[in-house]
Protein backbone atom coordinates (compact mmCIF):
# COMPACT_ATOMS: atom_id res chain seq x y z
CA MET A 1 35.43 24.84 4.27
CA PHE A 2 32.92 24.98 1.49
CA PHE A 3 29.24 25.30 2.14
CA PHE A 4 26.82 24.53 -0.63
CA VAL A 5 23.19 25.43 -0.62
CA VAL A 6 21.07 23.20 -2.78
CA ASP A 7 18.03 24.85 -4.27
CA CYS A 8 15.16 22.33 -4.30
CA ILE A 9 12.55 24.63 -5.74
CA GLY A 10 11.13 23.39 -8.99
CA ASP A 11 9.73 20.28 -10.56
CA ASP A 12 12.69 18.06 -9.79
CA VAL A 13 11.88 14.50 -8.76
CA THR A 14 13.73 13.83 -5.55
CA VAL A 15 14.13 10.60 -3.65
CA GLY A 16 11.68 11.84 -1.02
CA LYS A 17 8.99 12.64 -3.58
CA PHE A 18 9.50 9.29 -5.29
CA TYR A 19 9.31 7.40 -2.00
CA ALA A 20 6.19 9.30 -0.92
CA THR A 21 4.51 8.44 -4.22
CA TYR A 22 5.48 4.79 -3.77
CA LEU A 23 4.05 4.72 -0.24
CA ILE A 24 0.78 6.32 -1.35
CA GLN A 25 0.38 3.84 -4.20
CA GLU A 26 1.21 0.88 -1.95
CA TYR A 27 -1.31 2.03 0.66
CA PHE A 28 -3.97 2.42 -2.03
CA ARG A 29 -3.22 -1.07 -3.39
CA ARG A 30 -3.60 -2.59 0.08
CA PHE A 31 -6.79 -0.59 0.70
CA LYS A 32 -8.35 -1.83 -2.54
CA ALA A 33 -7.33 -5.43 -1.80
CA ARG A 34 -8.77 -5.19 1.72
CA GLN A 35 -11.95 -3.63 0.36
CA LYS A 36 -12.28 -6.39 -2.26
CA ALA A 37 -11.75 -9.08 0.39
CA GLN A 38 -14.44 -7.49 2.57
CA ASP A 39 -16.87 -7.35 -0.35
CA GLN A 40 -16.22 -11.00 -1.17
CA ALA A 41 -16.66 -12.01 2.48
CA ASN A 42 -19.99 -10.18 2.61
CA GLU A 43 -21.19 -12.04 -0.49
CA MET A 44 -20.28 -15.48 0.88
CA PRO A 45 -22.98 -17.39 2.75
CA GLY A 46 -22.22 -17.56 6.46
CA ASN A 47 -19.83 -14.65 6.32
CA SER A 48 -17.66 -14.37 9.37
CA THR A 49 -14.90 -12.16 10.60
CA VAL A 50 -12.55 -15.17 10.63
CA ALA A 51 -12.92 -15.59 6.86
CA LEU A 52 -12.30 -11.89 6.38
CA GLN A 53 -9.21 -12.00 8.59
CA VAL A 54 -7.82 -14.99 6.69
CA LYS A 55 -8.36 -13.26 3.35
CA THR A 56 -6.72 -10.09 4.65
CA VAL A 57 -3.68 -12.05 5.85
CA VAL A 58 -3.43 -13.86 2.51
CA VAL A 59 -3.53 -10.55 0.63
CA PHE A 60 -0.93 -9.05 3.00
CA VAL A 61 1.43 -12.02 2.59
CA ARG A 62 0.98 -12.02 -1.18
CA ASP A 63 1.81 -8.31 -1.36
CA HIS A 64 4.91 -8.65 0.82
CA SER A 65 6.39 -11.87 -0.55
CA ASP A 66 9.77 -11.63 -2.22
CA CYS A 67 8.90 -14.18 -4.91
């Protein structure tokens, strides 16, 4: 049997590092979209939580659509 030890020390880009970066960027994108939707809802006359929830759902669906 052969046992190999892989040395991961260094500046190598691994799948885990790439995926973590992707997740952080995606979270930030959603945060900014949610923040923008909240700001727009606060500027609208008669702002309500229903309008904010609808905008949040629209942003979520837009971000997760396969089209």
